[in-house]
Amino acid sequence: MLPYIALQLQAVSSSFRTIAEPTVWTDGRAGVVHTDTSLIVAALMAVFTILFGVRNVQASEQHRGMMLAIAFESVVKLLALLTVGPFVLFVLFDGPSDLWARLATSRRSPSR
């Protein structure tokens, strides 16, 4: 279960880093806490785990609440993917062929 949680932590913090820009201090430096999204996500995941009743850790004990939470999270992610995927393909682009054509064009053009 630990590798799965680590994978979730990496996925969530990478997604958050992609969406959110770090807050800049008044002197131009980036804020330390705001740029360390993995720390924030790990803390939120720990609070989430504590709220689902995993307070005493024993290797032989099964945590049905935690497993239910992970399963529910997976279903929510699947529904989000199935909702966002067609939206991106058919609203933002004119289908899969248009997406591939634009991807090929952007790979040939020099980066900014």
PDB file of N, CA and C in Angstrom:
ATOM      1  N   MET A   1       0.821  -1.184   0.000  1.00  0.00           N
ATOM      2  CA  MET A   1       0.000   0.000   0.000  1.00  0.00           C
ATOM      3  C   MET A   1       0.872   1.257   0.000  1.00  0.00           C
ATOM      4  N   LEU A   2       2.054   1.184   0.576  1.00  0.00           N
ATOM      5  CA  LEU A   2       2.934   2.347   0.639  1.00  0.00           C
ATOM      6  C   LEU A   2       3.345   2.846  -0.747  1.00  0.00           C
ATOM      7  N   PRO A   3       3.702   1.967  -1.699  1.00  0.00           N
ATOM      8  CA  PRO A   3       4.017   2.478  -3.041  1.00  0.00           C
ATOM      9  C   PRO A   3       2.833   3.165  -3.704  1.00  0.00           C
ATOM     10  N   TYR A   4       1.622   2.668  -3.455  1.00  0.00           N
ATOM     11  CA  TYR A   4       0.441   3.308  -4.019  1.00  0.00           C
ATOM     12  C   TYR A   4       0.265   4.711  -3.450  1.00  0.00           C
ATOM     13  N   ILE A   5       0.456   4.863  -2.158  1.00  0.00           N
ATOM     14  CA  ILE A   5       0.329   6.183  -1.532  1.00  0.00           C
ATOM     15  C   ILE A   5       1.412   7.121  -2.060  1.00  0.00           C
ATOM     16  N   ALA A   6       2.627   6.617  -2.236  1.00  0.00           N
ATOM     17  CA  ALA A   6       3.706   7.445  -2.786  1.00  0.00           C
ATOM     18  C   ALA A   6       3.384   7.870  -4.212  1.00  0.00           C
ATOM     19  N   LEU A   7       2.809   6.969  -4.995  1.00  0.00           N
ATOM     20  CA  LEU A   7       2.422   7.302  -6.362  1.00  0.00           C
ATOM     21  C   LEU A   7       1.319   8.349  -6.374  1.00  0.00           C
ATOM     22  N   GLN A   8       0.361   8.214  -5.456  1.00  0.00           N
ATOM     23  CA  GLN A   8      -0.701   9.212  -5.344  1.00  0.00           C
ATOM     24  C   GLN A   8      -0.141  10.578  -4.954  1.00  0.00           C
ATOM     25  N   LEU A   9       0.789  10.581  -4.015  1.00  0.00           N
ATOM     26  CA  LEU A   9       1.418  11.825  -3.589  1.00  0.00           C
ATOM     27  C   LEU A   9       2.124  12.505  -4.757  1.00  0.00           C
ATOM     28  N   GLN A  10       2.853  11.734  -5.526  1.00  0.00           N
ATOM     29  CA  GLN A  10       3.563  12.295  -6.685  1.00  0.00           C
ATOM     30  C   GLN A  10       2.573  12.826  -7.721  1.00  0.00           C
ATOM     31  N   ALA A  11       1.516  12.094  -7.995  1.00  0.00           N
ATOM     32  CA  ALA A  11       0.536  12.516  -8.997  1.00  0.00           C
ATOM     33  C   ALA A  11      -0.193  13.788  -8.571  1.00  0.00           C
ATOM     34  N   VAL A  12      -0.615  13.832  -7.317  1.00  0.00           N
ATOM     35  CA  VAL A  12      -1.360  14.998  -6.844  1.00  0.00           C
ATOM     36  C   VAL A  12      -0.463  16.226  -6.781  1.00  0.00           C
ATOM     37  N   SER A  13       0.756  16.076  -6.274  1.00  0.00           N
ATOM     38  CA  SER A  13       1.639  17.249  -6.175  1.00  0.00           C
ATOM     39  C   SER A  13       2.079  17.725  -7.555  1.00  0.00           C
ATOM     40  N   SER A  14       2.286  16.820  -8.505  1.00  0.00           N
ATOM     41  CA  SER A  14       2.637  17.233  -9.867  1.00  0.00           C
ATOM     42  C   SER A  14       1.476  17.961 -10.530  1.00  0.00           C
ATOM     43  N   SER A  15       0.268  17.461 -10.330  1.00  0.00           N
ATOM     44  CA  SER A  15      -0.913  18.120 -10.889  1.00  0.00           C
ATOM     45  C   SER A  15      -1.100  19.499 -10.282  1.00  0.00           C
ATOM     46  N   PHE A  16      -0.938  19.585  -8.971  1.00  0.00           N
ATOM     47  CA  PHE A  16      -1.095  20.874  -8.307  1.00  0.00           C
ATOM     48  C   PHE A  16      -0.029  21.860  -8.770  1.00  0.00           C
ATOM     49  N   ARG A  17       1.212  21.389  -8.911  1.00  0.00           N
ATOM     50  CA  ARG A  17       2.311  22.243  -9.361  1.00  0.00           C
ATOM     51  C   ARG A  17       2.050  22.752 -10.773  1.00  0.00           C
ATOM     52  N   THR A  18       1.442  21.912 -11.612  1.00  0.00           N
ATOM     53  CA  THR A  18       1.143  22.304 -12.977  1.00  0.00           C
ATOM     54  C   THR A  18       0.064  23.376 -13.022  1.00  0.00           C
ATOM     55  N   ILE A  19      -0.931  23.248 -12.173  1.00  0.00           N
ATOM     56  CA  ILE A  19      -2.061  24.175 -12.197  1.00  0.00           C
ATOM     57  C   ILE A  19      -1.750  25.482 -11.481  1.00  0.00           C
ATOM     58  N   ALA A  20      -1.140  25.407 -10.323  1.00  0.00           N
ATOM     59  CA  ALA A  20      -0.932  26.598  -9.481  1.00  0.00           C
ATOM     60  C   ALA A  20       0.468  27.164  -9.653  1.00  0.00           C
ATOM     61  N   GLU A  21       0.553  28.438  -9.695  1.00  0.00           N
ATOM     62  CA  GLU A  21       1.842  29.117  -9.722  1.00  0.00           C
ATOM     63  C   GLU A  21       2.226  29.492  -8.288  1.00  0.00           C
ATOM     64  N   PRO A  22       3.513  29.415  -7.934  1.00  0.00           N
ATOM     65  CA  PRO A  22       3.901  29.787  -6.573  1.00  0.00           C
ATOM     66  C   PRO A  22       3.736  31.285  -6.321  1.00  0.00           C
ATOM     67  N   THR A  23       3.390  31.618  -5.102  1.00  0.00           N
ATOM     68  CA  THR A  23       3.250  33.010  -4.708  1.00  0.00           C
ATOM     69  C   THR A  23       4.631  33.619  -4.511  1.00  0.00           C
ATOM     70  N   VAL A  24       4.817  34.807  -5.052  1.00  0.00           N
ATOM     71  CA  VAL A  24       6.117  35.469  -4.976  1.00  0.00           C
ATOM     72  C   VAL A  24       6.112  36.440  -3.798  1.00  0.00           C
ATOM     73  N   TRP A  25       7.211  36.444  -3.022  1.00  0.00           N
ATOM     74  CA  TRP A  25       7.350  37.394  -1.922  1.00  0.00           C
ATOM     75  C   TRP A  25       7.580  38.787  -2.489  1.00  0.00           C
ATOM     76  N   THR A  26       7.517  39.778  -1.618  1.00  0.00           N
ATOM     77  CA  THR A  26       7.658  41.169  -2.075  1.00  0.00           C
ATOM     78  C   THR A  26       9.037  41.459  -2.648  1.00  0.00           C
ATOM     79  N   ASP A  27      10.074  40.744  -2.201  1.00  0.00           N
ATOM     80  CA  ASP A  27      11.415  40.998  -2.725  1.00  0.00           C
ATOM     81  C   ASP A  27      11.729  40.173  -3.975  1.00  0.00           C
ATOM     82  N   GLY A  28      10.733  39.462  -4.511  1.00  0.00           N
ATOM     83  CA  GLY A  28      10.922  38.730  -5.752  1.00  0.00           C
ATOM     84  C   GLY A  28      11.224  37.256  -5.595  1.00  0.00           C
ATOM     85  N   ARG A  29      11.529  36.799  -4.373  1.00  0.00           N
ATOM     86  CA  ARG A  29      11.794  35.375  -4.164  1.00  0.00           C
ATOM     87  C   ARG A  29      10.482  34.603  -4.097  1.00  0.00           C
ATOM     88  N   ALA A  30      10.528  33.355  -4.511  1.00  0.00           N
ATOM     89  CA  ALA A  30       9.346  32.505  -4.397  1.00  0.00           C
ATOM     90  C   ALA A  30       9.187  32.049  -2.955  1.00  0.00           C
ATOM     91  N   GLY A  31       7.959  31.953  -2.480  1.00  0.00           N
ATOM     92  CA  GLY A  31       7.703  31.491  -1.125  1.00  0.00           C
ATOM     93  C   GLY A  31       8.078  30.034  -0.962  1.00  0.00           C
ATOM     94  N   VAL A  32       8.703  29.685   0.156  1.00  0.00           N
ATOM     95  CA  VAL A  32       9.202  28.328   0.373  1.00  0.00           C
ATOM     96  C   VAL A  32       8.052  27.328   0.480  1.00  0.00           C
ATOM     97  N   VAL A  33       7.060  27.620   1.276  1.00  0.00           N
ATOM     98  CA  VAL A  33       5.953  26.688   1.468  1.00  0.00           C
ATOM     99  C   VAL A  33       5.129  26.561   0.193  1.00  0.00           C
ATOM    100  N   HIS A  34       4.961  27.639  -0.529  1.00  0.00           N
ATOM    101  CA  HIS A  34       4.125  27.615  -1.718  1.00  0.00           C
ATOM    102  C   HIS A  34       4.781  26.840  -2.859  1.00  0.00           C
ATOM    103  N   THR A  35       6.087  26.779  -2.890  1.00  0.00           N
ATOM    104  CA  THR A  35       6.745  26.042  -3.962  1.00  0.00           C
ATOM    105  C   THR A  35       6.900  24.561  -3.612  1.00  0.00           C
ATOM    106  N   ASP A  36       6.784  24.196  -2.355  1.00  0.00           N
ATOM    107  CA  ASP A  36       6.917  22.800  -1.949  1.00  0.00           C
ATOM    108  C   ASP A  36       5.535  22.166  -1.873  1.00  0.00           C
ATOM    109  N   THR A  37       4.957  21.881  -3.037  1.00  0.00           N
ATOM    110  CA  THR A  37       3.609  21.320  -3.067  1.00  0.00           C
ATOM    111  C   THR A  37       3.568  19.913  -2.496  1.00  0.00           C
ATOM    112  N   SER A  38       4.663  19.177  -2.597  1.00  0.00           N
ATOM    113  CA  SER A  38       4.674  17.818  -2.050  1.00  0.00           C
ATOM    114  C   SER A  38       4.478  17.833  -0.540  1.00  0.00           C
ATOM    115  N   LEU A  39       5.057  18.802   0.148  1.00  0.00           N
ATOM    116  CA  LEU A  39       4.878  18.915   1.597  1.00  0.00           C
ATOM    117  C   LEU A  39       3.421  19.200   1.941  1.00  0.00           C
ATOM    118  N   ILE A  40       2.800  20.114   1.214  1.00  0.00           N
ATOM    119  CA  ILE A  40       1.404  20.454   1.475  1.00  0.00           C
ATOM    120  C   ILE A  40       0.508  19.255   1.205  1.00  0.00           C
ATOM    121  N   VAL A  41       0.730  18.578   0.084  1.00  0.00           N
ATOM    122  CA  VAL A  41      -0.095  17.422  -0.271  1.00  0.00           C
ATOM    123  C   VAL A  41       0.103  16.294   0.730  1.00  0.00           C
ATOM    124  N   ALA A  42       1.337  16.052   1.163  1.00  0.00           N
ATOM    125  CA  ALA A  42       1.593  15.002   2.149  1.00  0.00           C
ATOM    126  C   ALA A  42       0.880  15.307   3.465  1.00  0.00           C
ATOM    127  N   ALA A  43       0.896  16.560   3.886  1.00  0.00           N
ATOM    128  CA  ALA A  43       0.206  16.935   5.116  1.00  0.00           C
ATOM    129  C   ALA A  43      -1.299  16.734   4.979  1.00  0.00           C
ATOM    130  N   LEU A  44      -1.861  17.122   3.833  1.00  0.00           N
ATOM    131  CA  LEU A  44      -3.293  16.934   3.613  1.00  0.00           C
ATOM    132  C   LEU A  44      -3.654  15.449   3.550  1.00  0.00           C
ATOM    133  N   MET A  45      -2.790  14.640   2.939  1.00  0.00           N
ATOM    134  CA  MET A  45      -3.048  13.200   2.898  1.00  0.00           C
ATOM    135  C   MET A  45      -2.978  12.584   4.299  1.00  0.00           C
ATOM    136  N   ALA A  46      -2.069  13.066   5.140  1.00  0.00           N
ATOM    137  CA  ALA A  46      -1.972  12.561   6.512  1.00  0.00           C
ATOM    138  C   ALA A  46      -3.228  12.908   7.305  1.00  0.00           C
ATOM    139  N   VAL A  47      -3.705  14.139   7.160  1.00  0.00           N
ATOM    140  CA  VAL A  47      -4.935  14.549   7.854  1.00  0.00           C
ATOM    141  C   VAL A  47      -6.110  13.709   7.355  1.00  0.00           C
ATOM    142  N   PHE A  48      -6.172  13.494   6.054  1.00  0.00           N
ATOM    143  CA  PHE A  48      -7.226  12.670   5.463  1.00  0.00           C
ATOM    144  C   PHE A  48      -7.191  11.254   6.032  1.00  0.00           C
ATOM    145  N   THR A  49      -6.008  10.695   6.175  1.00  0.00           N
ATOM    146  CA  THR A  49      -5.851   9.345   6.711  1.00  0.00           C
ATOM    147  C   THR A  49      -6.275   9.287   8.171  1.00  0.00           C
ATOM    148  N   ILE A  50      -5.903  10.278   8.957  1.00  0.00           N
ATOM    149  CA  ILE A  50      -6.283  10.311  10.369  1.00  0.00           C
ATOM    150  C   ILE A  50      -7.795  10.420  10.512  1.00  0.00           C
ATOM    151  N   LEU A  51      -8.421  11.218   9.652  1.00  0.00           N
ATOM    152  CA  LEU A  51      -9.873  11.370   9.729  1.00  0.00           C
ATOM    153  C   LEU A  51     -10.613  10.084   9.392  1.00  0.00           C
ATOM    154  N   PHE A  52     -10.008   9.202   8.611  1.00  0.00           N
ATOM    155  CA  PHE A  52     -10.658   7.942   8.282  1.00  0.00           C
ATOM    156  C   PHE A  52     -10.346   6.843   9.292  1.00  0.00           C
ATOM    157  N   GLY A  53      -9.772   7.168  10.418  1.00  0.00           N
ATOM    158  CA  GLY A  53      -9.668   6.222  11.518  1.00  0.00           C
ATOM    159  C   GLY A  53      -8.416   5.383  11.594  1.00  0.00           C
ATOM    160  N   VAL A  54      -7.368   5.761  10.916  1.00  0.00           N
ATOM    161  CA  VAL A  54      -6.128   4.991  10.996  1.00  0.00           C
ATOM    162  C   VAL A  54      -5.250   5.667  12.047  1.00  0.00           C
ATOM    163  N   ARG A  55      -5.614   5.472  13.300  1.00  0.00           N
ATOM    164  CA  ARG A  55      -4.882   6.139  14.376  1.00  0.00           C
ATOM    165  C   ARG A  55      -3.867   5.225  15.037  1.00  0.00           C
ATOM    166  N   ASN A  56      -4.137   3.930  15.090  1.00  0.00           N
ATOM    167  CA  ASN A  56      -3.171   2.992  15.673  1.00  0.00           C
ATOM    168  C   ASN A  56      -2.672   2.078  14.556  1.00  0.00           C
ATOM    169  N   VAL A  57      -1.386   2.056  14.381  1.00  0.00           N
ATOM    170  CA  VAL A  57      -0.774   1.333  13.273  1.00  0.00           C
ATOM    171  C   VAL A  57      -0.271  -0.015  13.758  1.00  0.00           C
ATOM    172  N   GLN A  58      -0.793  -1.071  13.166  1.00  0.00           N
ATOM    173  CA  GLN A  58      -0.333  -2.435  13.417  1.00  0.00           C
ATOM    174  C   GLN A  58      -0.284  -3.133  12.065  1.00  0.00           C
ATOM    175  N   ALA A  59       0.758  -3.922  11.851  1.00  0.00           N
ATOM    176  CA  ALA A  59       0.951  -4.561  10.552  1.00  0.00           C
ATOM    177  C   ALA A  59      -0.156  -5.556  10.219  1.00  0.00           C
ATOM    178  N   SER A  60      -0.710  -6.215  11.212  1.00  0.00           N
ATOM    179  CA  SER A  60      -1.723  -7.242  10.965  1.00  0.00           C
ATOM    180  C   SER A  60      -3.138  -6.677  10.896  1.00  0.00           C
ATOM    181  N   GLU A  61      -3.326  -5.425  11.226  1.00  0.00           N
ATOM    182  CA  GLU A  61      -4.662  -4.838  11.272  1.00  0.00           C
ATOM    183  C   GLU A  61      -5.076  -4.355   9.884  1.00  0.00           C
ATOM    184  N   GLN A  62      -6.339  -4.592   9.534  1.00  0.00           N
ATOM    185  CA  GLN A  62      -6.874  -4.130   8.255  1.00  0.00           C
ATOM    186  C   GLN A  62      -7.644  -2.839   8.481  1.00  0.00           C
ATOM    187  N   HIS A  63      -7.452  -1.907   7.579  1.00  0.00           N
ATOM    188  CA  HIS A  63      -8.117  -0.605   7.682  1.00  0.00           C
ATOM    189  C   HIS A  63      -9.129  -0.483   6.552  1.00  0.00           C
ATOM    190  N   ARG A  64     -10.333  -0.944   6.818  1.00  0.00           N
ATOM    191  CA  ARG A  64     -11.361  -0.949   5.784  1.00  0.00           C
ATOM    192  C   ARG A  64     -11.765   0.469   5.385  1.00  0.00           C
ATOM    193  N   GLY A  65     -11.766   1.392   6.314  1.00  0.00           N
ATOM    194  CA  GLY A  65     -12.111   2.778   5.992  1.00  0.00           C
ATOM    195  C   GLY A  65     -11.114   3.403   5.031  1.00  0.00           C
ATOM    196  N   MET A  66      -9.840   3.122   5.241  1.00  0.00           N
ATOM    197  CA  MET A  66      -8.804   3.654   4.352  1.00  0.00           C
ATOM    198  C   MET A  66      -8.925   3.045   2.963  1.00  0.00           C
ATOM    199  N   MET A  67      -9.175   1.740   2.897  1.00  0.00           N
ATOM    200  CA  MET A  67      -9.334   1.089   1.599  1.00  0.00           C
ATOM    201  C   MET A  67     -10.566   1.614   0.866  1.00  0.00           C
ATOM    202  N   LEU A  68     -11.633   1.866   1.602  1.00  0.00           N
ATOM    203  CA  LEU A  68     -12.836   2.431   1.001  1.00  0.00           C
ATOM    204  C   LEU A  68     -12.557   3.838   0.470  1.00  0.00           C
ATOM    205  N   ALA A  69     -11.800   4.620   1.209  1.00  0.00           N
ATOM    206  CA  ALA A  69     -11.460   5.973   0.776  1.00  0.00           C
ATOM    207  C   ALA A  69     -10.615   5.940  -0.505  1.00  0.00           C
ATOM    208  N   ILE A  70      -9.657   5.030  -0.584  1.00  0.00           N
ATOM    209  CA  ILE A  70      -8.811   4.916  -1.772  1.00  0.00           C
ATOM    210  C   ILE A  70      -9.649   4.455  -2.964  1.00  0.00           C
ATOM    211  N   ALA A  71     -10.553   3.501  -2.744  1.00  0.00           N
ATOM    212  CA  ALA A  71     -11.419   3.038  -3.827  1.00  0.00           C
ATOM    213  C   ALA A  71     -12.333   4.162  -4.318  1.00  0.00           C
ATOM    214  N   PHE A  72     -12.899   4.924  -3.399  1.00  0.00           N
ATOM    215  CA  PHE A  72     -13.763   6.046  -3.777  1.00  0.00           C
ATOM    216  C   PHE A  72     -12.979   7.088  -4.557  1.00  0.00           C
ATOM    217  N   GLU A  73     -11.755   7.365  -4.120  1.00  0.00           N
ATOM    218  CA  GLU A  73     -10.906   8.326  -4.819  1.00  0.00           C
ATOM    219  C   GLU A  73     -10.619   7.852  -6.243  1.00  0.00           C
ATOM    220  N   SER A  74     -10.389   6.571  -6.415  1.00  0.00           N
ATOM    221  CA  SER A  74     -10.120   6.019  -7.742  1.00  0.00           C
ATOM    222  C   SER A  74     -11.330   6.158  -8.652  1.00  0.00           C
ATOM    223  N   VAL A  75     -12.520   5.925  -8.127  1.00  0.00           N
ATOM    224  CA  VAL A  75     -13.742   6.066  -8.918  1.00  0.00           C
ATOM    225  C   VAL A  75     -13.940   7.525  -9.325  1.00  0.00           C
ATOM    226  N   VAL A  76     -13.699   8.441  -8.398  1.00  0.00           N
ATOM    227  CA  VAL A  76     -13.833   9.867  -8.712  1.00  0.00           C
ATOM    228  C   VAL A  76     -12.842  10.274  -9.806  1.00  0.00           C
ATOM    229  N   LYS A  77     -11.595   9.796  -9.711  1.00  0.00           N
ATOM    230  CA  LYS A  77     -10.592  10.110 -10.738  1.00  0.00           C
ATOM    231  C   LYS A  77     -10.993   9.538 -12.094  1.00  0.00           C
ATOM    232  N   LEU A  78     -11.532   8.323 -12.111  1.00  0.00           N
ATOM    233  CA  LEU A  78     -11.962   7.716 -13.360  1.00  0.00           C
ATOM    234  C   LEU A  78     -13.097   8.508 -13.988  1.00  0.00           C
ATOM    235  N   LEU A  79     -14.075   8.913 -13.182  1.00  0.00           N
ATOM    236  CA  LEU A  79     -15.176   9.722 -13.705  1.00  0.00           C
ATOM    237  C   LEU A  79     -14.683  11.080 -14.217  1.00  0.00           C
ATOM    238  N   ALA A  80     -13.728  11.682 -13.520  1.00  0.00           N
ATOM    239  CA  ALA A  80     -13.174  12.953 -13.974  1.00  0.00           C
ATOM    240  C   ALA A  80     -12.440  12.787 -15.303  1.00  0.00           C
ATOM    241  N   LEU A  81     -11.681  11.716 -15.438  1.00  0.00           N
ATOM    242  CA  LEU A  81     -10.972  11.452 -16.688  1.00  0.00           C
ATOM    243  C   LEU A  81     -11.947  11.211 -17.833  1.00  0.00           C
ATOM    244  N   LEU A  82     -13.000  10.444 -17.569  1.00  0.00           N
ATOM    245  CA  LEU A  82     -13.987  10.173 -18.604  1.00  0.00           C
ATOM    246  C   LEU A  82     -14.814  11.406 -18.960  1.00  0.00           C
ATOM    247  N   THR A  83     -14.850  12.398 -18.093  1.00  0.00           N
ATOM    248  CA  THR A  83     -15.552  13.643 -18.382  1.00  0.00           C
ATOM    249  C   THR A  83     -14.647  14.638 -19.106  1.00  0.00           C
ATOM    250  N   VAL A  84     -13.431  14.791 -18.616  1.00  0.00           N
ATOM    251  CA  VAL A  84     -12.512  15.777 -19.181  1.00  0.00           C
ATOM    252  C   VAL A  84     -11.954  15.329 -20.531  1.00  0.00           C
ATOM    253  N   GLY A  85     -11.710  14.026 -20.699  1.00  0.00           N
ATOM    254  CA  GLY A  85     -11.139  13.513 -21.945  1.00  0.00           C
ATOM    255  C   GLY A  85     -11.943  13.875 -23.177  1.00  0.00           C
ATOM    256  N   PRO A  86     -13.234  13.523 -23.243  1.00  0.00           N
ATOM    257  CA  PRO A  86     -14.028  13.913 -24.414  1.00  0.00           C
ATOM    258  C   PRO A  86     -14.165  15.429 -24.573  1.00  0.00           C
ATOM    259  N   PHE A  87     -14.218  16.152 -23.456  1.00  0.00           N
ATOM    260  CA  PHE A  87     -14.291  17.614 -23.545  1.00  0.00           C
ATOM    261  C   PHE A  87     -13.065  18.167 -24.255  1.00  0.00           C
ATOM    262  N   VAL A  88     -11.891  17.702 -23.866  1.00  0.00           N
ATOM    263  CA  VAL A  88     -10.661  18.179 -24.494  1.00  0.00           C
ATOM    264  C   VAL A  88     -10.616  17.780 -25.965  1.00  0.00           C
ATOM    265  N   LEU A  89     -10.973  16.542 -26.258  1.00  0.00           N
ATOM    266  CA  LEU A  89     -10.887  16.058 -27.635  1.00  0.00           C
ATOM    267  C   LEU A  89     -11.865  16.748 -28.576  1.00  0.00           C
ATOM    268  N   PHE A  90     -13.097  16.974 -28.126  1.00  0.00           N
ATOM    269  CA  PHE A  90     -14.121  17.424 -29.050  1.00  0.00           C
ATOM    270  C   PHE A  90     -14.553  18.874 -28.873  1.00  0.00           C
ATOM    271  N   VAL A  91     -14.194  19.530 -27.774  1.00  0.00           N
ATOM    272  CA  VAL A  91     -14.526  20.948 -27.596  1.00  0.00           C
ATOM    273  C   VAL A  91     -13.292  21.818 -27.832  1.00  0.00           C
ATOM    274  N   LEU A  92     -12.181  21.468 -27.213  1.00  0.00           N
ATOM    275  CA  LEU A  92     -10.970  22.261 -27.396  1.00  0.00           C
ATOM    276  C   LEU A  92     -10.282  21.956 -28.724  1.00  0.00           C
ATOM    277  N   PHE A  93     -10.409  20.712 -29.198  1.00  0.00           N
ATOM    278  CA  PHE A  93      -9.847  20.299 -30.486  1.00  0.00           C
ATOM    279  C   PHE A  93     -10.982  19.737 -31.333  1.00  0.00           C
ATOM    280  N   ASP A  94     -10.699  19.497 -32.600  1.00  0.00           N
ATOM    281  CA  ASP A  94     -11.716  18.936 -33.495  1.00  0.00           C
ATOM    282  C   ASP A  94     -11.552  17.431 -33.639  1.00  0.00           C
ATOM    283  N   GLY A  95     -11.312  16.745 -32.553  1.00  0.00           N
ATOM    284  CA  GLY A  95     -11.159  15.295 -32.560  1.00  0.00           C
ATOM    285  C   GLY A  95      -9.717  14.878 -32.362  1.00  0.00           C
ATOM    286  N   PRO A  96      -9.492  13.573 -32.304  1.00  0.00           N
ATOM    287  CA  PRO A  96      -8.135  13.064 -32.066  1.00  0.00           C
ATOM    288  C   PRO A  96      -7.137  13.429 -33.166  1.00  0.00           C
ATOM    289  N   SER A  97      -7.592  13.460 -34.420  1.00  0.00           N
ATOM    290  CA  SER A  97      -6.658  13.782 -35.517  1.00  0.00           C
ATOM    291  C   SER A  97      -6.161  15.221 -35.419  1.00  0.00           C
ATOM    292  N   ASP A  98      -7.030  16.141 -35.023  1.00  0.00           N
ATOM    293  CA  ASP A  98      -6.616  17.539 -34.852  1.00  0.00           C
ATOM    294  C   ASP A  98      -5.626  17.662 -33.697  1.00  0.00           C
ATOM    295  N   LEU A  99      -5.871  16.932 -32.606  1.00  0.00           N
ATOM    296  CA  LEU A  99      -4.954  16.953 -31.465  1.00  0.00           C
ATOM    297  C   LEU A  99      -3.577  16.454 -31.875  1.00  0.00           C
ATOM    298  N   TRP A 100      -3.516  15.333 -32.612  1.00  0.00           N
ATOM    299  CA  TRP A 100      -2.232  14.782 -33.067  1.00  0.00           C
ATOM    300  C   TRP A 100      -1.534  15.737 -34.029  1.00  0.00           C
ATOM    301  N   ALA A 101      -2.301  16.382 -34.909  1.00  0.00           N
ATOM    302  CA  ALA A 101      -1.697  17.326 -35.862  1.00  0.00           C
ATOM    303  C   ALA A 101      -1.098  18.520 -35.141  1.00  0.00           C
ATOM    304  N   ARG A 102      -1.817  19.052 -34.153  1.00  0.00           N
ATOM    305  CA  ARG A 102      -1.278  20.190 -33.397  1.00  0.00           C
ATOM    306  C   ARG A 102      -0.074  19.788 -32.559  1.00  0.00           C
ATOM    307  N   LEU A 103      -0.088  18.571 -32.022  1.00  0.00           N
ATOM    308  CA  LEU A 103       1.060  18.079 -31.263  1.00  0.00           C
ATOM    309  C   LEU A 103       2.276  17.952 -32.166  1.00  0.00           C
ATOM    310  N   ALA A 104       2.085  17.417 -33.360  1.00  0.00           N
ATOM    311  CA  ALA A 104       3.199  17.285 -34.306  1.00  0.00           C
ATOM    312  C   ALA A 104       3.723  18.649 -34.723  1.00  0.00           C
ATOM    313  N   THR A 105       2.832  19.619 -34.926  1.00  0.00           N
ATOM    314  CA  THR A 105       3.251  20.975 -35.289  1.00  0.00           C
ATOM    315  C   THR A 105       4.036  21.634 -34.165  1.00  0.00           C
ATOM    316  N   SER A 106       3.580  21.451 -32.929  1.00  0.00           N
ATOM    317  CA  SER A 106       4.273  22.077 -31.808  1.00  0.00           C
ATOM    318  C   SER A 106       5.631  21.446 -31.546  1.00  0.00           C
ATOM    319  N   ARG A 107       5.806  20.184 -31.892  1.00  0.00           N
ATOM    320  CA  ARG A 107       7.109  19.537 -31.722  1.00  0.00           C
ATOM    321  C   ARG A 107       8.110  20.037 -32.747  1.00  0.00           C
ATOM    322  N   ARG A 108       7.624  20.385 -33.934  1.00  0.00           N
ATOM    323  CA  ARG A 108       8.535  20.882 -34.970  1.00  0.00           C
ATOM    324  C   ARG A 108       8.930  22.330 -34.764  1.00  0.00           C
ATOM    325  N   SER A 109       8.052  23.118 -34.163  1.00  0.00           N
ATOM    326  CA  SER A 109       8.368  24.528 -33.959  1.00  0.00           C
ATOM    327  C   SER A 109       9.338  24.689 -32.793  1.00  0.00           C
ATOM    328  N   PRO A 110      10.239  25.678 -32.878  1.00  0.00           N
ATOM    329  CA  PRO A 110      11.203  25.889 -31.774  1.00  0.00           C
ATOM    330  C   PRO A 110      10.496  26.362 -30.526  1.00  0.00           C
ATOM    331  N   SER A 111      11.052  25.994 -29.379  1.00  0.00           N
ATOM    332  CA  SER A 111      10.461  26.412 -28.111  1.00  0.00           C
ATOM    333  C   SER A 111      10.719  27.880 -27.852  1.00  0.00           C
ATOM    334  N   ARG A 112       9.893  28.442 -26.957  1.00  0.00           N
ATOM    335  CA  ARG A 112       9.925  29.882 -26.675  1.00  0.00           C
ATOM    336  C   ARG A 112      11.216  30.342 -26.122  1.00  0.00           C
TER     337      ARG A 112
END
